[in-house]
N, C-alpha and C. Protein backbone atom coordinates (compact mmCIF):
# COMPACT_ATOMS: atom_id res chain seq x y z
N MET A 1 -10.57 4.27 -18.46
CA MET A 1 -11.53 4.47 -17.50
C MET A 1 -11.75 5.89 -17.81
N SER A 2 -13.26 5.78 -17.89
CA SER A 2 -13.94 7.01 -18.36
C SER A 2 -13.79 7.87 -17.25
N ALA A 3 -14.29 9.13 -17.26
CA ALA A 3 -14.48 10.48 -16.53
C ALA A 3 -15.32 10.21 -15.61
N LEU A 4 -16.94 9.27 -16.13
CA LEU A 4 -17.89 9.35 -15.34
C LEU A 4 -17.54 8.21 -14.00
N THR A 5 -16.65 7.27 -14.29
CA THR A 5 -15.98 5.81 -13.84
C THR A 5 -15.28 6.85 -12.83
N LEU A 6 -14.43 7.57 -13.07
CA LEU A 6 -13.45 8.25 -12.15
C LEU A 6 -14.33 9.31 -10.89
N ILE A 7 -15.15 9.96 -11.17
CA ILE A 7 -15.91 10.56 -10.76
C ILE A 7 -16.69 9.92 -9.67
N ALA A 8 -17.49 8.56 -10.01
CA ALA A 8 -17.84 7.90 -9.16
C ALA A 8 -17.14 7.42 -8.10
N ILE A 9 -15.95 6.87 -8.70
CA ILE A 9 -15.20 6.36 -7.68
C ILE A 9 -14.82 7.47 -6.41
N LEU A 10 -14.07 8.61 -7.14
CA LEU A 10 -14.08 9.70 -5.96
C LEU A 10 -15.28 10.01 -5.16
N ILE A 11 -16.53 9.76 -5.27
CA ILE A 11 -17.26 9.84 -4.60
C ILE A 11 -17.82 8.90 -3.63
N ALA A 12 -17.47 7.59 -4.42
CA ALA A 12 -17.30 6.35 -3.19
C ALA A 12 -16.55 6.54 -2.45
N LEU A 13 -15.46 6.99 -2.62
CA LEU A 13 -14.28 7.00 -1.71
C LEU A 13 -14.51 7.99 -0.48
N ALA A 14 -14.94 9.22 -0.94
CA ALA A 14 -15.57 10.26 -0.08
C ALA A 14 -16.31 9.84 1.17
N ILE A 15 -17.39 9.36 0.65
CA ILE A 15 -18.49 8.68 1.32
C ILE A 15 -17.70 7.59 2.34
N PHE A 16 -16.87 6.72 1.78
CA PHE A 16 -16.52 5.76 2.66
C PHE A 16 -15.53 6.18 3.60
N GLY A 17 -14.57 7.28 3.22
CA GLY A 17 -14.04 8.02 4.00
C GLY A 17 -14.58 8.76 5.36
N TRP A 18 -16.21 9.19 5.00
CA TRP A 18 -16.71 9.91 5.88
C TRP A 18 -17.02 8.99 6.99
N ALA A 19 -17.54 7.97 6.12
CA ALA A 19 -18.01 6.80 7.08
C ALA A 19 -17.23 6.15 8.08
N ILE A 20 -15.89 5.69 7.84
CA ILE A 20 -14.80 5.49 8.72
C ILE A 20 -14.76 6.82 9.69
N TRP A 21 -14.53 7.71 9.31
CA TRP A 21 -14.21 8.91 9.92
C TRP A 21 -15.45 8.90 11.24
N PHE A 22 -16.57 8.92 11.00
CA PHE A 22 -17.68 8.95 11.75
C PHE A 22 -17.89 7.73 12.84
N VAL A 23 -17.46 6.47 12.26
CA VAL A 23 -17.55 5.34 13.07
C VAL A 23 -16.55 5.73 14.23
N ILE A 24 -15.18 6.03 13.84
CA ILE A 24 -14.36 6.42 14.78
C ILE A 24 -14.59 7.39 15.66
N GLU A 25 -14.96 8.33 15.16
CA GLU A 25 -15.55 9.51 16.14
C GLU A 25 -16.52 9.12 17.26
N LEU A 26 -17.65 8.31 16.55
CA LEU A 26 -18.61 8.13 17.40
C LEU A 26 -17.82 7.00 18.80
N ILE A 27 -17.32 6.25 18.29
CA ILE A 27 -16.23 5.14 19.08
C ILE A 27 -15.84 6.08 20.12
N ARG A 28 -15.12 7.21 19.87
CA ARG A 28 -13.84 7.97 20.90
C ARG A 28 -15.32 8.96 21.68
N TYR A 29 -16.33 9.34 20.93
CA TYR A 29 -17.32 9.93 21.86
C TYR A 29 -17.97 9.42 22.84
N VAL A 30 -18.45 8.08 22.47
CA VAL A 30 -19.24 7.06 23.83
C VAL A 30 -17.73 6.64 24.75
N SER A 31 -16.56 6.36 24.44
CA SER A 31 -15.53 5.69 25.25
C SER A 31 -15.31 6.74 26.12
N SER A 32 -15.30 7.76 25.61
CA SER A 32 -14.71 8.83 26.84
C SER A 32 -15.63 9.58 27.63
N GLY A 33 -16.70 9.28 27.49
CA GLY A 33 -17.95 9.33 28.51
C GLY A 33 -18.71 10.56 28.42
N GLU A 34 -18.48 11.38 27.51
CA GLU A 34 -18.88 12.56 26.80
C GLU A 34 -20.79 12.28 26.79
N TYR A 35 -20.87 10.60 26.23
CA TYR A 35 -22.27 10.43 26.08
C TYR A 35 -23.17 10.75 27.17
N GLU A 36 -22.51 9.73 28.40
CA GLU A 36 -23.00 9.63 29.45
C GLU A 36 -23.35 10.88 30.34
N ILE A 37 -22.72 11.75 29.98
CA ILE A 37 -22.52 13.31 30.54
C ILE A 37 -24.06 13.66 29.97
N ASP A 38 -23.79 13.76 28.24
CA ASP A 38 -25.11 14.39 27.44
C ASP A 38 -26.37 13.77 28.09
N LYS A 39 -26.17 12.67 28.33
CA LYS A 39 -27.34 11.74 28.73
C LYS A 39 -28.16 12.32 30.06
N ARG A 40 -27.21 12.78 30.83
CA ARG A 40 -27.70 13.38 32.20
C ARG A 40 -28.62 14.67 31.96
N LEU A 41 -27.51 15.19 31.02
CA LEU A 41 -28.03 16.62 31.24
C LEU A 41 -29.53 16.36 30.39
N ARG A 42 -29.44 15.75 29.13
CA ARG A 42 -30.98 15.78 28.34
C ARG A 42 -32.14 15.13 30.00
N GLU A 43 -31.67 14.41 30.56
CA GLU A 43 -32.91 13.96 31.33
C GLU A 43 -33.10 15.16 32.35
N ILE A 44 -31.91 15.83 32.70
CA ILE A 44 -32.15 17.20 33.66
C ILE A 44 -33.17 18.18 32.69
N SER A 45 -32.95 18.20 32.12
CA SER A 45 -33.52 19.66 31.04
C SER A 45 -35.00 19.20 30.74
N GLN A 46 -35.40 17.91 31.07
CA GLN A 46 -37.00 17.54 29.99
C GLN A 46 -37.86 17.78 31.32
């Protein structure tokens, strides 16, 4: 395996890991009710 392939795999794994973390955090944020509070605060401030 060449160094370029290894670097590409590591970058792909980092991006994939970040994407999984992002989806989990987004689900947690919406399900916790914070999204509804933030939406109401945005409506009040406009």
